[in-house]
Amino acid sequence: MAFQDVELLHTDYYDLVIGDDGDFVKLDSFDTALQISLIGSDRRASATEEPIPQKRRGWIGNQYQPVEYGSKLWLLYQARLTNETVNRARTYCQQALQWLVDFGFAQSILVDTARDLNRNTLTATIKIQPFEGVTQTRVFVLWDNTPANASIIKQQMA
């Protein structure tokens, strides 16, 4: 099944792009799905990850569906940039994007995370193998803790 996404515009906020014909602008990429899955929706934390129920976040719709959407990257916002944090970020990204494989939109998704202690950044490189076409690679800066960019998540096309 070919995957078609809608374009998401990011200025001060995120918004769907409407074309001249009044319809959503469509993309032959996974960009919006990646943005929403990784940073646009939170997956609920378990009791072992966050003992206070009111602070577990998450989307209420996950209660009634067999698939959980969103990521747990929000659990890392206060974490130190250690190897464990890098590994947890990889796991959380993989979990958040697994629905694309489960629903048959992509053949496979490979996530690699890396930290740069000199720049104090954490990046996720995501390779998506669609059923048709070439592998798509996207790089997300999950953590940019420089004074000007603290906690901003950015996406780069690779």
N, C-alpha and C. Protein backbone atom coordinates (compact mmCIF):
# COMPACT_ATOMS: atom_id res chain seq x y z
N MET A 1 0.84 -1.17 0.00
CA MET A 1 0.00 0.00 0.00
C MET A 1 0.89 1.24 0.00
N ALA A 2 0.72 2.14 -0.95
CA ALA A 2 1.50 3.37 -1.01
C ALA A 2 1.02 4.32 0.08
N PHE A 3 1.94 5.03 0.66
CA PHE A 3 1.62 5.96 1.73
C PHE A 3 1.65 7.37 1.18
N GLN A 4 0.61 8.12 1.45
CA GLN A 4 0.57 9.52 1.07
C GLN A 4 0.24 10.33 2.31
N ASP A 5 1.03 11.36 2.53
CA ASP A 5 0.92 12.19 3.73
C ASP A 5 0.40 13.56 3.35
N VAL A 6 0.02 14.36 4.33
CA VAL A 6 -0.35 15.75 4.09
C VAL A 6 0.77 16.64 4.61
N GLU A 7 0.92 17.80 3.98
CA GLU A 7 2.02 18.68 4.35
C GLU A 7 1.70 19.42 5.65
N LEU A 8 2.70 19.51 6.50
CA LEU A 8 2.58 20.19 7.79
C LEU A 8 3.53 21.37 7.78
N LEU A 9 3.01 22.56 8.04
CA LEU A 9 3.82 23.77 8.06
C LEU A 9 4.13 24.14 9.50
N HIS A 10 5.40 24.45 9.77
CA HIS A 10 5.79 24.84 11.12
C HIS A 10 6.31 26.26 11.11
N THR A 11 5.59 27.14 11.78
CA THR A 11 6.07 28.50 12.01
C THR A 11 6.21 28.62 13.52
N ASP A 12 5.35 29.37 14.16
CA ASP A 12 5.32 29.39 15.63
C ASP A 12 4.51 28.20 16.16
N TYR A 13 3.73 27.59 15.29
CA TYR A 13 2.90 26.44 15.61
C TYR A 13 2.85 25.55 14.37
N TYR A 14 2.22 24.40 14.49
CA TYR A 14 2.08 23.48 13.36
C TYR A 14 0.69 23.63 12.77
N ASP A 15 0.62 23.58 11.44
CA ASP A 15 -0.67 23.69 10.77
C ASP A 15 -0.62 22.88 9.47
N LEU A 16 -1.75 22.31 9.09
CA LEU A 16 -1.84 21.60 7.82
C LEU A 16 -1.92 22.62 6.69
N VAL A 17 -1.29 22.31 5.55
CA VAL A 17 -1.25 23.22 4.42
C VAL A 17 -2.43 22.92 3.49
N ILE A 18 -3.16 23.99 3.13
CA ILE A 18 -4.28 23.88 2.22
C ILE A 18 -3.84 24.46 0.88
N GLY A 19 -4.07 23.72 -0.20
CA GLY A 19 -3.69 24.16 -1.55
C GLY A 19 -4.69 25.12 -2.15
N ASP A 20 -4.38 25.60 -3.35
CA ASP A 20 -5.26 26.53 -4.07
C ASP A 20 -6.61 25.90 -4.39
N ASP A 21 -6.64 24.57 -4.50
CA ASP A 21 -7.90 23.88 -4.81
C ASP A 21 -8.77 23.66 -3.57
N GLY A 22 -8.30 24.11 -2.39
CA GLY A 22 -9.08 23.96 -1.16
C GLY A 22 -8.87 22.64 -0.47
N ASP A 23 -8.03 21.77 -1.02
CA ASP A 23 -7.76 20.46 -0.42
C ASP A 23 -6.39 20.50 0.26
N PHE A 24 -6.14 19.51 1.12
CA PHE A 24 -4.83 19.41 1.76
C PHE A 24 -3.76 19.17 0.71
N VAL A 25 -2.59 19.75 0.92
CA VAL A 25 -1.45 19.50 0.04
C VAL A 25 -0.87 18.15 0.44
N LYS A 26 -0.76 17.25 -0.55
CA LYS A 26 -0.31 15.88 -0.28
C LYS A 26 1.16 15.71 -0.60
N LEU A 27 1.83 14.85 0.15
CA LEU A 27 3.24 14.56 -0.05
C LEU A 27 3.44 13.07 -0.25
N ASP A 28 4.45 12.71 -1.03
CA ASP A 28 4.83 11.31 -1.16
C ASP A 28 6.00 11.04 -0.22
N SER A 29 5.81 11.39 1.03
CA SER A 29 6.84 11.18 2.05
C SER A 29 6.15 10.89 3.38
N PHE A 30 6.94 10.62 4.37
CA PHE A 30 6.43 10.30 5.70
C PHE A 30 6.62 11.47 6.68
N ASP A 31 6.92 12.66 6.18
CA ASP A 31 7.33 13.77 7.03
C ASP A 31 6.32 14.12 8.13
N THR A 32 5.07 14.31 7.76
CA THR A 32 4.07 14.68 8.76
C THR A 32 3.82 13.54 9.73
N ALA A 33 3.77 12.32 9.25
CA ALA A 33 3.59 11.16 10.12
C ALA A 33 4.72 11.08 11.15
N LEU A 34 5.95 11.37 10.71
CA LEU A 34 7.09 11.35 11.63
C LEU A 34 6.97 12.45 12.67
N GLN A 35 6.63 13.66 12.23
CA GLN A 35 6.50 14.79 13.15
C GLN A 35 5.45 14.50 14.22
N ILE A 36 4.28 14.06 13.79
CA ILE A 36 3.20 13.83 14.75
C ILE A 36 3.52 12.65 15.66
N SER A 37 4.09 11.59 15.10
CA SER A 37 4.40 10.40 15.90
C SER A 37 5.47 10.68 16.94
N LEU A 38 6.48 11.46 16.58
CA LEU A 38 7.61 11.68 17.50
C LEU A 38 7.40 12.83 18.46
N ILE A 39 6.89 13.95 17.98
CA ILE A 39 6.81 15.12 18.85
C ILE A 39 5.42 15.70 18.99
N GLY A 40 4.49 15.29 18.15
CA GLY A 40 3.16 15.88 18.18
C GLY A 40 2.17 15.15 19.05
N SER A 41 2.55 14.00 19.58
CA SER A 41 1.63 13.25 20.46
C SER A 41 2.45 12.46 21.47
N ASP A 42 1.95 12.45 22.68
CA ASP A 42 2.64 11.75 23.77
C ASP A 42 2.01 10.39 24.02
N ARG A 43 2.85 9.40 24.20
CA ARG A 43 2.39 8.08 24.61
C ARG A 43 2.36 8.06 26.14
N ARG A 44 1.37 7.43 26.70
CA ARG A 44 1.22 7.40 28.15
C ARG A 44 2.34 6.59 28.79
N ALA A 45 2.90 7.13 29.86
CA ALA A 45 3.94 6.45 30.62
C ALA A 45 3.31 5.39 31.52
N SER A 46 4.07 4.35 31.79
CA SER A 46 3.60 3.30 32.70
C SER A 46 3.80 3.77 34.14
N ALA A 47 3.24 3.01 35.08
CA ALA A 47 3.37 3.35 36.49
C ALA A 47 4.82 3.28 36.96
N THR A 48 5.63 2.43 36.33
CA THR A 48 7.04 2.36 36.73
C THR A 48 7.84 3.54 36.17
N GLU A 49 7.38 4.11 35.06
CA GLU A 49 8.07 5.26 34.47
C GLU A 49 7.67 6.57 35.13
N GLU A 50 6.41 6.67 35.55
CA GLU A 50 5.89 7.86 36.23
C GLU A 50 4.87 7.42 37.27
N PRO A 51 5.25 7.42 38.55
CA PRO A 51 4.36 6.89 39.58
C PRO A 51 3.08 7.69 39.81
N ILE A 52 3.07 8.97 39.50
CA ILE A 52 1.88 9.80 39.73
C ILE A 52 0.98 9.75 38.49
N PRO A 53 -0.22 9.15 38.62
CA PRO A 53 -1.09 8.96 37.45
C PRO A 53 -1.39 10.25 36.68
N GLN A 54 -1.58 11.36 37.37
CA GLN A 54 -1.92 12.62 36.70
C GLN A 54 -0.77 13.17 35.86
N LYS A 55 0.45 12.65 36.05
CA LYS A 55 1.60 13.13 35.30
C LYS A 55 2.05 12.16 34.20
N ARG A 56 1.27 11.14 33.93
CA ARG A 56 1.67 10.12 32.94
C ARG A 56 1.40 10.54 31.51
N ARG A 57 0.67 11.61 31.32
CA ARG A 57 0.35 12.15 30.00
C ARG A 57 -0.30 11.11 29.10
N GLY A 58 -0.17 11.28 27.79
CA GLY A 58 -0.74 10.31 26.85
C GLY A 58 -2.03 10.79 26.23
N TRP A 59 -2.44 10.08 25.20
CA TRP A 59 -3.65 10.39 24.46
C TRP A 59 -4.76 9.46 24.92
N ILE A 60 -5.91 10.01 25.24
CA ILE A 60 -7.01 9.21 25.76
C ILE A 60 -7.48 8.15 24.77
N GLY A 61 -7.35 8.42 23.47
CA GLY A 61 -7.75 7.46 22.45
C GLY A 61 -6.97 6.16 22.52
N ASN A 62 -5.78 6.18 23.10
CA ASN A 62 -4.99 4.96 23.24
C ASN A 62 -5.65 3.95 24.17
N GLN A 63 -6.53 4.41 25.03
CA GLN A 63 -7.23 3.52 25.95
C GLN A 63 -8.16 2.56 25.21
N TYR A 64 -8.63 2.97 24.03
CA TYR A 64 -9.68 2.22 23.34
C TYR A 64 -9.21 1.60 22.04
N GLN A 65 -7.91 1.60 21.78
CA GLN A 65 -7.40 1.05 20.53
C GLN A 65 -6.35 -0.01 20.82
N PRO A 66 -6.19 -0.95 19.90
CA PRO A 66 -5.17 -1.98 20.12
C PRO A 66 -3.75 -1.45 19.91
N VAL A 67 -3.62 -0.30 19.24
CA VAL A 67 -2.31 0.28 18.96
C VAL A 67 -2.17 1.57 19.74
N GLU A 68 -1.01 1.76 20.37
CA GLU A 68 -0.76 3.02 21.06
C GLU A 68 -0.02 3.96 20.14
N TYR A 69 -0.46 5.20 20.08
CA TYR A 69 0.18 6.21 19.26
C TYR A 69 0.98 7.17 20.13
N GLY A 70 1.95 7.84 19.50
CA GLY A 70 2.75 8.84 20.19
C GLY A 70 4.06 8.27 20.69
N SER A 71 4.87 9.15 21.27
CA SER A 71 6.17 8.73 21.77
C SER A 71 6.33 9.08 23.24
N LYS A 72 7.30 8.43 23.83
CA LYS A 72 7.64 8.71 25.22
C LYS A 72 8.89 9.59 25.32
N LEU A 73 9.23 10.25 24.23
CA LEU A 73 10.40 11.13 24.27
C LEU A 73 10.26 12.22 25.33
N TRP A 74 9.05 12.58 25.67
CA TRP A 74 8.81 13.59 26.70
C TRP A 74 9.40 13.17 28.04
N LEU A 75 9.55 11.88 28.27
CA LEU A 75 10.14 11.40 29.53
C LEU A 75 11.63 11.77 29.64
N LEU A 76 12.24 12.12 28.53
CA LEU A 76 13.68 12.42 28.51
C LEU A 76 13.99 13.91 28.63
N TYR A 77 12.98 14.75 28.66
CA TYR A 77 13.22 16.19 28.65
C TYR A 77 14.06 16.67 29.83
N GLN A 78 14.00 15.99 30.96
CA GLN A 78 14.77 16.38 32.13
C GLN A 78 15.98 15.46 32.38
N ALA A 79 16.22 14.54 31.47
CA ALA A 79 17.30 13.55 31.65
C ALA A 79 18.66 14.13 31.25
N ARG A 80 19.70 13.55 31.80
CA ARG A 80 21.06 13.90 31.39
C ARG A 80 21.36 13.18 30.08
N LEU A 81 22.29 13.72 29.33
CA LEU A 81 22.63 13.17 28.02
C LEU A 81 23.66 12.04 28.19
N THR A 82 23.18 10.90 28.67
CA THR A 82 24.03 9.74 28.90
C THR A 82 23.78 8.69 27.82
N ASN A 83 24.58 7.63 27.84
CA ASN A 83 24.35 6.52 26.91
C ASN A 83 22.97 5.90 27.12
N GLU A 84 22.54 5.81 28.36
CA GLU A 84 21.21 5.26 28.65
C GLU A 84 20.12 6.13 28.01
N THR A 85 20.26 7.44 28.09
CA THR A 85 19.29 8.36 27.48
C THR A 85 19.26 8.17 25.97
N VAL A 86 20.43 8.01 25.36
CA VAL A 86 20.52 7.79 23.91
C VAL A 86 19.80 6.50 23.53
N ASN A 87 20.00 5.45 24.31
CA ASN A 87 19.35 4.16 24.04
C ASN A 87 17.84 4.23 24.25
N ARG A 88 17.42 4.93 25.29
CA ARG A 88 15.98 5.08 25.54
C ARG A 88 15.33 5.89 24.41
N ALA A 89 16.01 6.92 23.93
CA ALA A 89 15.48 7.73 22.82
C ALA A 89 15.28 6.86 21.58
N ARG A 90 16.25 5.97 21.30
CA ARG A 90 16.12 5.07 20.15
C ARG A 90 14.89 4.17 20.32
N THR A 91 14.73 3.60 21.49
CA THR A 91 13.58 2.73 21.76
C THR A 91 12.27 3.49 21.62
N TYR A 92 12.21 4.70 22.18
CA TYR A 92 10.98 5.49 22.12
C TYR A 92 10.64 5.88 20.68
N CYS A 93 11.64 6.22 19.89
CA CYS A 93 11.39 6.56 18.47
C CYS A 93 10.89 5.34 17.71
N GLN A 94 11.53 4.20 17.94
CA GLN A 94 11.12 2.96 17.25
C GLN A 94 9.68 2.60 17.62
N GLN A 95 9.34 2.70 18.90
CA GLN A 95 7.97 2.42 19.35
C GLN A 95 6.97 3.36 18.69
N ALA A 96 7.32 4.64 18.63
CA ALA A 96 6.40 5.65 18.11
C ALA A 96 6.13 5.46 16.62
N LEU A 97 7.08 4.88 15.90
CA LEU A 97 6.94 4.74 14.44
C LEU A 97 6.51 3.34 14.01
N GLN A 98 6.40 2.43 14.94
CA GLN A 98 6.08 1.04 14.61
C GLN A 98 4.73 0.90 13.90
N TRP A 99 3.79 1.81 14.17
CA TRP A 99 2.49 1.73 13.53
C TRP A 99 2.58 1.80 12.01
N LEU A 100 3.59 2.48 11.49
CA LEU A 100 3.75 2.56 10.03
C LEU A 100 4.02 1.19 9.42
N VAL A 101 4.74 0.35 10.15
CA VAL A 101 5.02 -1.02 9.70
C VAL A 101 3.80 -1.90 9.97
N ASP A 102 3.23 -1.79 11.17
CA ASP A 102 2.10 -2.63 11.55
C ASP A 102 0.90 -2.47 10.62
N PHE A 103 0.68 -1.26 10.12
CA PHE A 103 -0.45 -1.01 9.24
C PHE A 103 -0.09 -1.15 7.76
N GLY A 104 1.14 -1.58 7.47
CA GLY A 104 1.53 -1.86 6.09
C GLY A 104 1.87 -0.64 5.25
N PHE A 105 2.21 0.48 5.89
CA PHE A 105 2.60 1.66 5.14
C PHE A 105 4.08 1.66 4.79
N ALA A 106 4.89 0.95 5.58
CA ALA A 106 6.33 0.86 5.33
C ALA A 106 6.77 -0.58 5.55
N GLN A 107 7.80 -0.97 4.80
CA GLN A 107 8.35 -2.32 4.97
C GLN A 107 9.12 -2.42 6.27
N SER A 108 9.95 -1.39 6.53
CA SER A 108 10.75 -1.39 7.75
C SER A 108 11.14 0.02 8.13
N ILE A 109 11.46 0.19 9.40
CA ILE A 109 11.93 1.47 9.92
C ILE A 109 13.12 1.18 10.80
N LEU A 110 14.21 1.87 10.53
CA LEU A 110 15.44 1.72 11.31
C LEU A 110 15.75 3.05 11.96
N VAL A 111 15.93 3.04 13.27
CA VAL A 111 16.24 4.25 14.02
C VAL A 111 17.62 4.12 14.63
N ASP A 112 18.43 5.14 14.45
CA ASP A 112 19.73 5.21 15.10
C ASP A 112 19.82 6.54 15.81
N THR A 113 20.29 6.52 17.04
CA THR A 113 20.43 7.75 17.81
C THR A 113 21.90 7.97 18.16
N ALA A 114 22.28 9.21 18.26
CA ALA A 114 23.67 9.55 18.59
C ALA A 114 23.70 10.84 19.38
N ARG A 115 24.69 10.95 20.23
CA ARG A 115 24.86 12.18 20.98
C ARG A 115 26.18 12.83 20.60
N ASP A 116 26.20 14.13 20.70
CA ASP A 116 27.41 14.91 20.47
C ASP A 116 27.62 15.74 21.72
N LEU A 117 28.56 15.31 22.54
CA LEU A 117 28.78 15.98 23.82
C LEU A 117 29.38 17.37 23.65
N ASN A 118 30.12 17.61 22.57
CA ASN A 118 30.69 18.94 22.33
C ASN A 118 29.60 19.97 22.05
N ARG A 119 28.57 19.54 21.31
CA ARG A 119 27.46 20.44 20.98
C ARG A 119 26.27 20.23 21.89
N ASN A 120 26.31 19.22 22.73
CA ASN A 120 25.23 18.87 23.65
C ASN A 120 23.92 18.61 22.89
N THR A 121 24.02 17.75 21.86
CA THR A 121 22.85 17.42 21.06
C THR A 121 22.61 15.91 21.03
N LEU A 122 21.38 15.54 20.79
CA LEU A 122 20.97 14.15 20.60
C LEU A 122 20.18 14.12 19.30
N THR A 123 20.62 13.30 18.35
CA THR A 123 19.95 13.21 17.06
C THR A 123 19.42 11.80 16.83
N ALA A 124 18.36 11.73 16.07
CA ALA A 124 17.79 10.45 15.64
C ALA A 124 17.80 10.44 14.12
N THR A 125 18.44 9.43 13.56
CA THR A 125 18.43 9.23 12.11
C THR A 125 17.44 8.11 11.82
N ILE A 126 16.45 8.40 11.03
CA ILE A 126 15.36 7.45 10.76
C ILE A 126 15.38 7.10 9.28
N LYS A 127 15.47 5.79 9.01
CA LYS A 127 15.43 5.30 7.64
C LYS A 127 14.15 4.49 7.47
N ILE A 128 13.34 4.94 6.52
CA ILE A 128 12.07 4.27 6.25
C ILE A 128 12.16 3.62 4.88
N GLN A 129 11.91 2.32 4.84
CA GLN A 129 11.88 1.58 3.58
C GLN A 129 10.42 1.38 3.19
N PRO A 130 9.94 2.16 2.21
CA PRO A 130 8.56 1.95 1.76
C PRO A 130 8.46 0.69 0.91
N PHE A 131 7.26 0.23 0.65
CA PHE A 131 7.08 -0.93 -0.21
C PHE A 131 7.43 -0.59 -1.65
N GLU A 132 7.22 0.66 -2.03
CA GLU A 132 7.54 1.12 -3.37
C GLU A 132 8.44 2.35 -3.24
N GLY A 133 9.45 2.43 -4.07
CA GLY A 133 10.30 3.62 -4.06
C GLY A 133 11.56 3.45 -3.22
N VAL A 134 12.26 4.55 -3.09
CA VAL A 134 13.55 4.55 -2.41
C VAL A 134 13.41 4.76 -0.90
N THR A 135 14.42 4.30 -0.19
CA THR A 135 14.47 4.51 1.26
C THR A 135 14.51 6.00 1.56
N GLN A 136 13.70 6.44 2.50
CA GLN A 136 13.68 7.84 2.92
C GLN A 136 14.44 7.96 4.23
N THR A 137 15.34 8.93 4.31
CA THR A 137 16.11 9.15 5.53
C THR A 137 15.81 10.54 6.06
N ARG A 138 15.53 10.63 7.33
CA ARG A 138 15.28 11.90 8.00
C ARG A 138 16.12 11.95 9.26
N VAL A 139 16.61 13.14 9.57
CA VAL A 139 17.39 13.34 10.79
C VAL A 139 16.64 14.35 11.65
N PHE A 140 16.37 13.96 12.89
CA PHE A 140 15.71 14.84 13.86
C PHE A 140 16.70 15.19 14.96
N VAL A 141 16.81 16.46 15.26
CA VAL A 141 17.58 16.88 16.43
C VAL A 141 16.59 16.84 17.58
N LEU A 142 16.70 15.81 18.41
CA LEU A 142 15.76 15.62 19.52
C LEU A 142 16.13 16.50 20.71
N TRP A 143 17.39 16.82 20.81
CA TRP A 143 17.88 17.52 21.97
C TRP A 143 18.95 18.48 21.51
N ASP A 144 18.71 19.75 21.68
CA ASP A 144 19.69 20.77 21.33
C ASP A 144 19.75 21.72 22.52
N ASN A 145 20.63 21.42 23.44
CA ASN A 145 20.65 22.13 24.71
C ASN A 145 21.66 23.28 24.70
N THR A 146 21.75 23.97 23.59
CA THR A 146 22.57 25.17 23.56
C THR A 146 21.70 26.32 24.06
N PRO A 147 22.29 27.39 24.56
CA PRO A 147 21.47 28.47 25.14
C PRO A 147 20.39 29.00 24.20
N ALA A 148 20.69 29.12 22.92
CA ALA A 148 19.71 29.69 21.99
C ALA A 148 18.62 28.69 21.59
N ASN A 149 18.88 27.40 21.72
CA ASN A 149 17.95 26.39 21.20
C ASN A 149 17.51 25.36 22.23
N ALA A 150 17.56 25.66 23.48
CA ALA A 150 17.27 24.67 24.50
C ALA A 150 15.92 23.99 24.26
N SER A 151 15.95 22.69 24.20
CA SER A 151 14.77 21.83 24.09
C SER A 151 13.97 21.96 22.80
N ILE A 152 14.54 22.53 21.76
CA ILE A 152 13.83 22.64 20.48
C ILE A 152 14.09 21.37 19.67
N ILE A 153 13.04 20.81 19.11
CA ILE A 153 13.18 19.64 18.26
C ILE A 153 13.07 20.10 16.81
N LYS A 154 14.08 19.76 16.01
CA LYS A 154 14.12 20.19 14.62
C LYS A 154 14.24 18.96 13.72
N GLN A 155 13.85 19.14 12.48
CA GLN A 155 13.97 18.07 11.49
C GLN A 155 14.82 18.56 10.34
N GLN A 156 15.67 17.67 9.87
CA GLN A 156 16.47 17.96 8.68
C GLN A 156 16.20 16.87 7.66
N MET A 157 16.17 17.26 6.42
CA MET A 157 16.05 16.27 5.35
C MET A 157 17.43 15.71 5.09
N ALA A 158 17.53 14.40 4.92
CA ALA A 158 18.83 13.81 4.61
C ALA A 158 18.77 13.13 3.27
